[in-house]
Amino acid sequence: MRFLHHTLLSAALLGLNACQLVQPESIVNPNVDEDTFLRSADAMDAWVAGTRMKTATAIGKWCQFAEILSDNYFNNHSRSSKAFDFPRLLHTDTDIATMQRSVATLREMADYGLTTVAARQAPTRSQQFELYSIKAYGQLLAGETFTGLPLQSGGEARPWADHLRAALHTLAQARASADSASQRAFVATLAARAWRMLGQKDSAVAMAREALAQSSDFVRQVSFDGENNVNNAAQEAIWGTWFQPLPRLDFLDPKYFQRTSTEQRPITLAKAEEAWLILAEAQLAEADLTGAKATLGRLLQLVNSRPVAKGVNDQLEKRDNGMYRVYPKRADYRVRASASDSLRSGLIVDRQAPALIDIPYISGTSVTQSMIDGLATHDAALELLYLMRQEIFFGEGRRVADLGIRLPLCEVEAAHAAHGEDYTEARIPAFIPTNQGMDDFTIDEETRTVTVTHNMNRVLVKNRQADSVVPFE
């Protein structure tokens, strides 16, 4: 724990503007120890700034790994994990340890600020809200993505549901410090997300409605600072040529683009779209197809109102310059989600010179109002809803939870945490294709068609009775 605090303290010092702790030319005084830091007049300001920075970098790394663990992206490069695409998830994998540390970083930095730093210098309401929100987000990620983790540093390993309940408790504390409608909407949305994952439909719906009552279009993001080397790791992989999207998602890529040498795009933590998705999913669980279609229509209006970056130059992305697979790169390709699906146009974007592309960087979807209007069955509507979830949360690290995949407790933590051995096996549902199957597709150059091997949204619907997915069914 002492080592962790010194590691996190170094991050706080980077965010410190107090003259007494910084040498001329902004060189951090190497003689500043923990006690000196805590006695400084700006300790809380520095800690919150450092926590904000570490949260951003942790979320960036999290999203990089989570996206290739899903069917959203394939790692077409030698860098980053080559095991997640299979998926092959061993508790000895250092990338899994990195993801676990990301969760712990959010929780521990927030806790240290709310306890140790706060004992010397009381936080403002705004600082208190931010720290509680960061802690809750770490707990939420733990509950959505792992089989089990310690709830606190040095504690015993606890199952995923306990982390979601802990997140709900922390969110209630954050709610007490919220000063704006957008902050209250953010907290309510995360609470709805936690209740949904727990399968508590009524509570999830109540929180979703509260979120929309507070703000019908809020967005909460973490920001980066390229000029000071606080970079988005997901952007490095996605804007570069490492990761290639499933062809049916090509039109959404790259969510994190770069128009200047230092531009680092933010990552969304929560947005109003989540509430509409939860409401529609609950309506389908109650056999209210008409109501669900109306809700999806409202959701579509919101998505279509989101900003679009126009004229982005993505010409370096050739789609055929990876190491393992060649991807379609012309707009005249049509794509089907599986061999039994219809071909669709407009999903592949032309990136070749002199073409420029338009990117929906908050939310985007290929779903149209006519597709919603044409829904005639529960299963078709549920499949379309999960397609919208996939497209709307694309690039944000959310798809893994929908697929029901859970990471194991890493080897180092398992060796020290009580009951750690209970959580060292990953949970990969039997219906998840192995051997990189989620990313498979075939190209017919003569007919300019692409056929994705597995329509994973249909797979989810067919397996909706499994405990690991579709929590309201």
Protein backbone atom coordinates (compact mmCIF):
# COMPACT_ATOMS: atom_id res chain seq x y z
CA MET A 1 0.00 0.00 0.00
CA ARG A 2 2.82 2.41 0.87
CA PHE A 3 4.40 1.82 -2.56
CA LEU A 4 1.05 2.41 -4.23
CA HIS A 5 0.57 5.69 -2.41
CA HIS A 6 4.02 6.91 -3.45
CA THR A 7 3.26 5.93 -7.04
CA LEU A 8 -0.01 7.82 -6.94
CA LEU A 9 1.61 10.73 -5.13
CA SER A 10 3.93 11.23 -8.09
CA ALA A 11 0.87 11.61 -10.30
CA ALA A 12 -0.59 14.20 -7.95
CA LEU A 13 2.61 16.21 -8.02
CA LEU A 14 2.37 16.46 -11.79
CA GLY A 15 -0.93 18.24 -11.34
CA LEU A 16 0.34 20.58 -8.66
CA ASN A 17 0.71 24.28 -9.34
CA ALA A 18 1.77 25.26 -5.84
CA CYS A 19 5.07 27.13 -5.99
CA GLN A 20 6.40 25.68 -2.75
CA LEU A 21 6.44 22.17 -4.20
CA VAL A 22 7.84 23.03 -7.61
CA GLN A 23 11.30 24.21 -8.50
CA PRO A 24 11.86 26.88 -11.18
CA GLU A 25 11.20 25.75 -14.73
CA SER A 26 8.46 23.43 -13.35
CA ILE A 27 10.86 20.74 -12.10
CA VAL A 28 9.19 18.79 -9.30
CA ASN A 29 11.16 19.00 -6.07
CA PRO A 30 12.54 15.47 -5.47
CA ASN A 31 12.57 16.07 -1.69
CA VAL A 32 8.79 16.30 -1.43
CA ASP A 33 7.59 13.33 0.62
CA GLU A 34 4.06 12.34 1.51
CA ASP A 35 3.91 14.35 4.72
CA THR A 36 5.22 17.47 3.00
CA PHE A 37 2.67 17.04 0.27
CA LEU A 38 -0.19 16.63 2.73
CA ARG A 39 0.84 19.80 4.60
CA SER A 40 0.88 21.90 1.44
CA ALA A 41 -1.85 24.48 0.95
CA ASP A 42 -2.85 23.02 -2.41
CA ALA A 43 -2.74 19.33 -1.54
CA MET A 44 -6.37 18.64 -2.43
CA ASP A 45 -6.20 20.62 -5.67
CA ALA A 46 -3.09 18.69 -6.66
CA TRP A 47 -4.54 15.34 -5.69
CA VAL A 48 -7.75 15.87 -7.64
CA ALA A 49 -5.79 17.06 -10.69
CA GLY A 50 -3.49 14.06 -10.48
CA THR A 51 -6.42 11.70 -9.98
CA ARG A 52 -8.13 13.19 -13.02
CA MET A 53 -4.99 12.62 -15.10
CA LYS A 54 -4.49 9.04 -13.90
CA THR A 55 -8.16 8.29 -14.48
CA ALA A 56 -7.89 9.42 -18.08
CA THR A 57 -4.81 7.31 -18.83
CA ALA A 58 -6.29 4.28 -17.05
CA ILE A 59 -9.54 4.55 -19.02
CA GLY A 60 -7.60 4.93 -22.28
CA LYS A 61 -5.65 1.74 -21.65
CA TRP A 62 -8.82 -0.01 -20.48
CA CYS A 63 -10.65 0.85 -23.69
CA GLN A 64 -7.74 -0.28 -25.84
CA PHE A 65 -7.82 -3.77 -24.35
CA ALA A 66 -11.60 -4.05 -23.95
CA GLU A 67 -12.26 -3.22 -27.59
CA ILE A 68 -10.13 -6.06 -28.98
CA LEU A 69 -11.60 -8.45 -26.42
CA SER A 70 -14.95 -7.90 -28.13
CA ASP A 71 -16.13 -8.29 -31.73
CA ASN A 72 -15.72 -4.53 -32.31
CA TYR A 73 -12.04 -4.64 -33.27
CA PHE A 74 -9.37 -7.08 -34.36
CA ASN A 75 -5.73 -6.45 -33.49
CA ASN A 76 -4.12 -6.48 -36.94
CA HIS A 77 -0.70 -5.56 -35.58
CA SER A 78 2.06 -7.01 -33.44
CA ARG A 79 1.55 -4.45 -30.67
CA SER A 80 -1.01 -4.81 -27.85
CA SER A 81 -2.60 -8.10 -26.87
CA LYS A 82 -2.73 -10.96 -29.36
CA ALA A 83 -4.57 -13.21 -26.89
CA PHE A 84 -7.76 -11.20 -26.39
CA ASP A 85 -9.02 -11.69 -29.95
CA PHE A 86 -9.24 -15.48 -29.50
CA PRO A 87 -10.33 -14.87 -26.63
CA ARG A 88 -7.64 -16.56 -24.52
CA LEU A 89 -7.85 -15.17 -21.00
CA LEU A 90 -5.35 -16.52 -18.48
CA HIS A 91 -4.86 -15.09 -15.01
CA THR A 92 -1.12 -14.96 -15.77
CA ASP A 93 -1.66 -12.50 -18.65
CA THR A 94 0.03 -9.17 -17.91
CA ASP A 95 -2.59 -7.29 -19.93
CA ILE A 96 -5.29 -8.61 -17.61
CA ALA A 97 -3.16 -7.42 -14.70
CA THR A 98 -2.98 -3.99 -16.38
CA MET A 99 -6.76 -3.83 -16.65
CA GLN A 100 -7.09 -4.82 -13.00
CA ARG A 101 -4.61 -2.13 -11.99
CA SER A 102 -6.68 0.39 -13.95
CA VAL A 103 -9.68 -0.42 -11.77
CA ALA A 104 -7.59 -0.29 -8.60
CA THR A 105 -6.04 3.04 -9.59
CA LEU A 106 -9.43 4.72 -9.84
CA ARG A 107 -10.58 3.33 -6.51
CA GLU A 108 -7.36 3.90 -4.57
CA MET A 109 -6.67 7.42 -5.79
CA ALA A 110 -10.23 8.48 -5.05
CA ASP A 111 -10.18 6.84 -1.62
CA TYR A 112 -6.86 8.44 -0.68
CA GLY A 113 -8.20 11.86 -1.61
CA LEU A 114 -11.47 11.33 0.27
CA THR A 115 -9.74 10.10 3.43
CA THR A 116 -6.05 10.93 3.89
CA VAL A 117 -5.93 14.19 1.93
CA ALA A 118 -9.38 15.28 3.12
CA ALA A 119 -8.26 14.85 6.74
CA ARG A 120 -5.74 17.68 6.15
CA GLN A 121 -7.72 19.80 3.69
CA ALA A 122 -11.46 19.53 3.17
CA PRO A 123 -12.50 19.06 -0.46
CA THR A 124 -14.96 21.38 -2.13
CA ARG A 125 -18.31 19.92 -3.17
CA SER A 126 -17.06 19.79 -6.73
CA GLN A 127 -13.91 17.91 -5.72
CA GLN A 128 -15.90 15.56 -3.54
CA PHE A 129 -18.27 14.80 -6.41
CA GLU A 130 -15.40 14.12 -8.78
CA LEU A 131 -13.59 11.77 -6.41
CA TYR A 132 -16.73 9.81 -5.52
CA SER A 133 -17.62 9.56 -9.21
CA ILE A 134 -14.17 8.24 -10.12
CA LYS A 135 -14.29 5.68 -7.31
CA ALA A 136 -17.76 4.55 -8.39
CA TYR A 137 -16.67 4.21 -12.00
CA GLY A 138 -13.80 1.95 -10.99
CA GLN A 139 -16.17 -0.18 -8.93
CA LEU A 140 -18.58 -0.33 -11.85
CA LEU A 141 -15.88 -1.53 -14.25
CA ALA A 142 -14.84 -4.17 -11.74
CA GLY A 143 -18.41 -5.42 -11.43
CA GLU A 144 -19.04 -5.45 -15.17
CA THR A 145 -15.82 -7.07 -16.33
CA PHE A 146 -14.19 -9.35 -13.73
CA THR A 147 -15.25 -12.59 -12.07
CA GLY A 148 -14.12 -11.18 -8.74
CA LEU A 149 -11.68 -8.68 -7.25
CA PRO A 150 -10.81 -7.27 -3.83
CA LEU A 151 -13.10 -4.43 -2.83
CA GLN A 152 -10.14 -2.62 -1.30
CA SER A 153 -6.37 -2.85 -1.33
CA GLY A 154 -5.29 -5.88 0.66
CA GLY A 155 -8.85 -7.12 1.05
CA GLU A 156 -10.34 -10.48 0.23
CA ALA A 157 -11.55 -11.18 -3.28
CA ARG A 158 -15.28 -10.65 -3.67
CA PRO A 159 -17.63 -11.63 -6.52
CA TRP A 160 -18.54 -9.17 -9.26
CA ALA A 161 -22.02 -8.40 -7.91
CA ASP A 162 -20.51 -7.04 -4.68
CA HIS A 163 -18.57 -4.48 -6.70
CA LEU A 164 -21.75 -3.29 -8.42
CA ARG A 165 -23.45 -2.89 -5.04
CA ALA A 166 -20.40 -0.99 -3.79
CA ALA A 167 -20.64 1.25 -6.86
CA LEU A 168 -24.28 2.00 -6.06
CA HIS A 169 -23.32 2.98 -2.51
CA THR A 170 -20.55 5.26 -3.77
CA LEU A 171 -22.86 6.80 -6.38
CA ALA A 172 -25.28 7.74 -3.62
CA GLN A 173 -22.42 9.62 -1.95
CA ALA A 174 -21.58 11.31 -5.24
CA ARG A 175 -25.24 12.28 -5.70
CA ALA A 176 -25.16 14.12 -2.36
CA SER A 177 -22.36 16.35 -3.70
CA ALA A 178 -23.85 16.96 -7.15
CA ASP A 179 -24.50 20.62 -7.96
CA SER A 180 -25.89 20.46 -11.49
CA ALA A 181 -28.46 18.60 -13.53
CA SER A 182 -25.75 17.08 -15.72
CA GLN A 183 -23.91 15.76 -12.66
CA ARG A 184 -27.11 14.23 -11.29
CA ALA A 185 -27.85 12.72 -14.72
CA PHE A 186 -24.36 11.22 -14.79
CA VAL A 187 -24.77 9.60 -11.38
CA ALA A 188 -28.26 8.30 -12.18
CA THR A 189 -27.06 6.84 -15.47
CA LEU A 190 -24.21 4.95 -13.82
CA ALA A 191 -26.65 3.70 -11.18
CA ALA A 192 -29.05 2.53 -13.90
CA ARG A 193 -26.14 0.76 -15.57
CA ALA A 194 -25.24 -1.03 -12.33
CA TRP A 195 -28.84 -2.04 -11.58
CA ARG A 196 -29.22 -3.35 -15.14
CA MET A 197 -26.12 -5.50 -14.78
CA LEU A 198 -27.56 -6.90 -11.55
CA GLY A 199 -30.75 -7.77 -13.42
CA GLN A 200 -32.85 -5.41 -11.28
CA LYS A 201 -35.14 -4.07 -13.99
CA ASP A 202 -37.39 -1.84 -11.89
CA SER A 203 -34.47 -0.10 -10.17
CA ALA A 204 -32.65 0.32 -13.48
CA VAL A 205 -35.73 1.86 -15.08
CA ALA A 206 -36.24 4.22 -12.14
CA MET A 207 -32.66 5.48 -12.40
CA ALA A 208 -32.89 5.76 -16.19
CA ARG A 209 -36.00 7.91 -15.88
CA GLU A 210 -34.32 10.07 -13.25
CA ALA A 211 -31.33 10.56 -15.53
CA LEU A 212 -33.50 11.72 -18.43
CA ALA A 213 -35.48 14.00 -16.12
CA GLN A 214 -32.22 15.70 -15.14
CA SER A 215 -30.80 15.93 -18.68
CA SER A 216 -31.99 14.41 -21.92
CA ASP A 217 -28.70 14.91 -23.77
CA PHE A 218 -25.81 14.96 -21.26
CA VAL A 219 -22.37 13.53 -22.02
CA ARG A 220 -19.65 12.89 -19.43
CA GLN A 221 -16.11 12.28 -20.67
CA VAL A 222 -12.52 11.97 -19.54
CA SER A 223 -10.14 14.34 -21.31
CA PHE A 224 -6.50 14.00 -22.31
CA ASP A 225 -3.69 16.49 -22.83
CA GLY A 226 -1.45 15.70 -25.75
CA GLU A 227 0.73 18.74 -25.20
CA ASN A 228 1.70 17.36 -21.78
CA ASN A 229 1.89 13.71 -22.83
CA VAL A 230 -1.37 12.63 -21.19
CA ASN A 231 -2.37 10.44 -24.11
CA ASN A 232 -5.34 8.28 -25.04
CA ALA A 233 -3.97 4.74 -25.48
CA ALA A 234 -7.12 3.68 -27.31
CA GLN A 235 -6.53 6.46 -29.84
CA GLU A 236 -3.00 5.24 -30.51
CA ALA A 237 -4.34 1.84 -31.54
CA ILE A 238 -7.52 2.96 -33.30
CA TRP A 239 -6.29 6.05 -35.17
CA GLY A 240 -3.19 4.13 -36.11
CA THR A 241 -3.34 0.93 -38.10
CA TRP A 242 -3.18 -1.54 -35.21
CA PHE A 243 -6.88 -2.21 -34.73
CA GLN A 244 -9.34 -2.84 -37.55
CA PRO A 245 -13.10 -2.70 -36.97
CA LEU A 246 -15.55 -5.43 -37.84
CA PRO A 247 -16.61 -4.45 -41.39
CA ARG A 248 -20.20 -3.76 -40.37
CA LEU A 249 -18.82 -1.12 -37.96
CA ASP A 250 -16.37 0.50 -40.40
CA PHE A 251 -18.45 3.70 -40.68
CA LEU A 252 -17.91 4.44 -36.98
CA ASP A 253 -14.12 4.20 -37.08
CA PRO A 254 -12.00 5.97 -35.92
CA LYS A 255 -13.95 7.40 -32.99
CA TYR A 256 -10.66 8.80 -31.70
CA PHE A 257 -9.14 10.68 -34.62
CA GLN A 258 -6.24 13.12 -34.74
CA ARG A 259 -6.20 16.33 -36.77
CA THR A 260 -3.10 17.86 -35.18
CA SER A 261 0.10 16.33 -33.83
CA THR A 262 -1.01 16.72 -30.21
CA GLU A 263 -4.78 16.20 -30.45
CA GLN A 264 -6.03 13.54 -28.02
CA ARG A 265 -9.74 12.80 -28.21
CA PRO A 266 -11.82 12.33 -25.03
CA ILE A 267 -13.49 9.05 -24.05
CA THR A 268 -17.14 9.01 -23.02
CA LEU A 269 -17.94 7.55 -19.60
CA ALA A 270 -21.70 8.00 -19.76
CA LYS A 271 -24.33 9.66 -21.94
CA ALA A 272 -28.08 10.04 -22.16
CA GLU A 273 -28.38 7.30 -24.79
CA GLU A 274 -27.86 4.72 -22.04
CA ALA A 275 -31.14 5.59 -20.35
CA TRP A 276 -33.20 5.15 -23.54
CA LEU A 277 -31.53 1.81 -24.21
CA ILE A 278 -32.35 0.58 -20.70
CA LEU A 279 -35.96 1.72 -20.97
CA ALA A 280 -36.42 -0.02 -24.33
CA GLU A 281 -34.81 -3.23 -23.07
CA ALA A 282 -37.12 -3.22 -20.06
CA GLN A 283 -40.16 -2.71 -22.29
CA LEU A 284 -39.16 -5.70 -24.41
CA ALA A 285 -38.76 -7.80 -21.27
CA GLU A 286 -42.36 -6.85 -20.44
CA ALA A 287 -43.55 -7.82 -23.94
CA ASP A 288 -44.31 -4.17 -24.79
CA LEU A 289 -43.07 -4.14 -28.38
CA THR A 290 -45.01 -0.99 -29.28
CA GLY A 291 -43.55 0.92 -26.35
CA ALA A 292 -40.05 -0.32 -27.09
CA LYS A 293 -40.29 0.82 -30.70
CA ALA A 294 -41.39 4.28 -29.58
CA THR A 295 -38.48 4.45 -27.12
CA LEU A 296 -35.99 3.34 -29.77
CA GLY A 297 -37.35 6.09 -32.00
CA ARG A 298 -36.64 8.66 -29.28
CA LEU A 299 -33.17 7.19 -28.90
CA LEU A 300 -32.56 7.46 -32.64
CA GLN A 301 -33.51 11.15 -32.59
CA LEU A 302 -30.91 11.76 -29.89
CA VAL A 303 -28.19 9.84 -31.75
CA ASN A 304 -28.93 11.70 -34.97
CA SER A 305 -28.64 15.02 -33.12
CA ARG A 306 -25.10 14.28 -31.94
CA PRO A 307 -22.19 16.12 -33.58
CA VAL A 308 -20.25 14.74 -36.51
CA ALA A 309 -16.64 15.63 -37.35
CA LYS A 310 -16.63 16.59 -41.02
CA GLY A 311 -13.79 16.12 -43.49
CA VAL A 312 -11.37 14.06 -41.39
CA ASN A 313 -8.32 12.88 -43.33
CA ASP A 314 -7.93 9.14 -42.67
CA GLN A 315 -6.06 8.38 -45.89
CA LEU A 316 -3.16 6.68 -44.11
CA GLU A 317 -5.63 3.96 -43.11
CA LYS A 318 -5.40 1.62 -46.08
CA ARG A 319 -7.34 -1.27 -44.48
CA ASP A 320 -4.89 -3.63 -46.16
CA ASN A 321 -1.66 -2.55 -44.47
CA GLY A 322 -2.01 -4.76 -41.40
CA MET A 323 0.00 -7.85 -40.67
CA TYR A 324 -2.74 -10.49 -40.53
CA ARG A 325 -5.95 -9.61 -42.39
CA VAL A 326 -7.03 -7.50 -45.35
CA TYR A 327 -10.15 -5.40 -44.77
CA PRO A 328 -12.57 -3.87 -47.29
CA LYS A 329 -11.71 -0.26 -48.09
CA ARG A 330 -14.16 0.90 -50.78
CA ALA A 331 -17.58 2.40 -50.24
CA ASP A 332 -19.13 0.19 -52.92
CA TYR A 333 -18.83 -2.89 -50.71
CA ARG A 334 -22.04 -4.19 -49.18
CA VAL A 335 -21.97 -5.99 -45.84
CA ARG A 336 -24.16 -8.59 -44.18
CA ALA A 337 -24.01 -9.44 -40.50
CA SER A 338 -24.02 -13.18 -41.25
CA ALA A 339 -24.68 -15.51 -44.18
CA SER A 340 -28.40 -15.44 -43.38
CA ASP A 341 -28.64 -11.63 -43.19
CA SER A 342 -29.42 -9.16 -45.95
CA LEU A 343 -26.69 -7.12 -47.59
CA ARG A 344 -26.49 -3.48 -46.49
CA SER A 345 -24.84 -0.52 -48.20
CA GLY A 346 -23.20 2.46 -46.52
CA LEU A 347 -21.33 0.58 -43.81
CA ILE A 348 -17.91 0.78 -45.50
CA VAL A 349 -16.37 4.23 -45.88
CA ASP A 350 -13.98 5.26 -48.67
CA ARG A 351 -10.78 6.53 -47.07
CA GLN A 352 -8.56 6.60 -50.16
CA ALA A 353 -7.21 9.94 -51.39
CA PRO A 354 -8.70 12.37 -52.07
CA ALA A 355 -11.67 11.19 -49.96
CA LEU A 356 -12.29 12.68 -46.52
CA ILE A 357 -14.59 11.06 -43.99
CA ASP A 358 -17.25 12.15 -41.50
CA ILE A 359 -17.16 10.61 -38.02
CA PRO A 360 -19.92 10.60 -35.37
CA TYR A 361 -17.70 10.97 -32.33
CA ILE A 362 -20.28 10.88 -29.52
CA SER A 363 -22.75 8.34 -30.89
CA GLY A 364 -23.58 6.89 -34.27
CA THR A 365 -25.76 4.12 -35.63
CA SER A 366 -26.67 2.47 -38.91
CA VAL A 367 -30.22 1.91 -37.66
CA THR A 368 -32.95 3.95 -39.36
CA GLN A 369 -36.48 4.84 -38.35
CA SER A 370 -37.84 2.53 -41.05
CA MET A 371 -35.91 -0.36 -39.50
CA ILE A 372 -37.50 0.42 -36.13
CA ASP A 373 -40.96 0.80 -37.64
CA GLY A 374 -40.61 -2.57 -39.37
CA LEU A 375 -39.93 -4.53 -36.17
CA ALA A 376 -42.61 -7.19 -35.82
CA THR A 377 -41.27 -9.58 -33.18
CA HIS A 378 -39.66 -9.45 -29.76
CA ASP A 379 -36.50 -11.21 -30.95
CA ALA A 380 -36.01 -8.92 -33.94
CA ALA A 381 -36.43 -5.87 -31.70
CA LEU A 382 -34.01 -7.22 -29.10
CA GLU A 383 -31.42 -7.94 -31.77
CA LEU A 384 -31.75 -4.43 -33.17
CA LEU A 385 -31.48 -2.97 -29.66
CA TYR A 386 -28.22 -4.82 -29.09
CA LEU A 387 -26.95 -3.63 -32.46
CA MET A 388 -27.70 -0.07 -31.36
CA ARG A 389 -25.91 -0.69 -28.05
CA GLN A 390 -22.90 -1.98 -29.97
CA GLU A 391 -22.82 0.97 -32.36
CA ILE A 392 -23.62 3.69 -29.82
CA PHE A 393 -20.98 2.51 -27.32
CA PHE A 394 -18.46 1.62 -30.02
CA GLY A 395 -14.89 2.36 -28.93
CA GLU A 396 -15.89 2.95 -25.31
CA GLY A 397 -15.01 -0.46 -23.86
CA ARG A 398 -18.62 -1.45 -23.23
CA ARG A 399 -19.20 -4.41 -25.55
CA VAL A 400 -17.37 -6.99 -23.40
CA ALA A 401 -20.00 -6.78 -20.67
CA ASP A 402 -22.82 -7.29 -23.19
CA LEU A 403 -21.05 -10.41 -24.48
CA GLY A 404 -20.93 -11.87 -20.97
CA ILE A 405 -17.15 -12.25 -20.93
CA ARG A 406 -15.48 -11.85 -17.53
CA LEU A 407 -11.78 -11.56 -16.80
CA PRO A 408 -10.06 -13.56 -14.05
CA LEU A 409 -8.34 -12.21 -10.99
CA CYS A 410 -4.71 -11.73 -11.94
CA GLU A 411 -2.00 -14.05 -10.65
CA VAL A 412 -0.28 -11.59 -8.32
CA GLU A 413 -3.51 -10.52 -6.62
CA ALA A 414 -4.78 -14.09 -6.37
CA ALA A 415 -1.62 -15.11 -4.50
CA HIS A 416 -2.27 -12.57 -1.74
CA ALA A 417 -6.03 -12.03 -1.56
CA ALA A 418 -8.12 -14.32 0.61
CA HIS A 419 -10.34 -16.54 -1.56
CA GLY A 420 -8.41 -15.35 -4.61
CA GLU A 421 -8.24 -18.88 -6.00
CA ASP A 422 -12.02 -18.78 -6.50
CA TYR A 423 -11.69 -16.16 -9.25
CA THR A 424 -8.66 -17.17 -11.31
CA GLU A 425 -10.69 -18.65 -14.18
CA ALA A 426 -12.14 -16.38 -16.86
CA ARG A 427 -15.80 -16.71 -17.74
CA ILE A 428 -16.26 -17.10 -21.47
CA PRO A 429 -19.82 -18.16 -22.35
CA ALA A 430 -20.04 -21.34 -24.42
CA PHE A 431 -21.72 -19.46 -27.26
CA ILE A 432 -18.74 -17.13 -27.78
CA PRO A 433 -16.84 -18.18 -30.94
CA THR A 434 -13.24 -19.12 -30.23
CA ASN A 435 -10.07 -18.94 -32.31
CA GLN A 436 -10.74 -15.31 -33.33
CA GLY A 437 -14.18 -16.30 -34.60
CA MET A 438 -15.93 -13.13 -33.44
CA ASP A 439 -13.77 -11.14 -35.88
CA ASP A 440 -14.14 -13.48 -38.86
CA PHE A 441 -15.53 -12.40 -42.23
CA THR A 442 -15.11 -13.23 -45.91
CA ILE A 443 -14.75 -10.87 -48.87
CA ASP A 444 -16.03 -11.52 -52.37
CA GLU A 445 -14.07 -9.15 -54.60
CA GLU A 446 -16.18 -9.86 -57.68
CA THR A 447 -19.51 -9.00 -56.09
CA ARG A 448 -18.01 -6.42 -53.71
CA THR A 449 -19.66 -8.08 -50.72
CA VAL A 450 -18.53 -8.85 -47.18
CA THR A 451 -20.08 -11.57 -45.04
CA VAL A 452 -19.43 -11.48 -41.30
CA THR A 453 -19.23 -15.02 -39.95
CA HIS A 454 -21.15 -14.49 -36.71
CA ASN A 455 -23.92 -12.00 -36.06
CA MET A 456 -23.15 -11.71 -32.37
CA ASN A 457 -26.27 -9.67 -31.63
CA ARG A 458 -28.39 -12.55 -32.90
CA VAL A 459 -26.23 -14.97 -30.90
CA LEU A 460 -26.97 -12.94 -27.77
CA VAL A 461 -30.71 -13.02 -28.43
CA LYS A 462 -30.69 -16.78 -29.03
CA ASN A 463 -28.84 -17.28 -25.74
CA ARG A 464 -30.71 -14.65 -23.74
CA GLN A 465 -31.70 -17.16 -21.06
CA ALA A 466 -28.06 -17.58 -20.08
CA ASP A 467 -27.17 -15.95 -16.77
CA SER A 468 -24.26 -14.07 -18.33
CA VAL A 469 -26.13 -11.92 -20.89
CA VAL A 470 -29.34 -9.94 -21.58
CA PRO A 471 -30.02 -9.30 -17.88
CA PHE A 472 -33.75 -8.48 -18.08
CA GLU A 473 -34.82 -11.65 -19.92
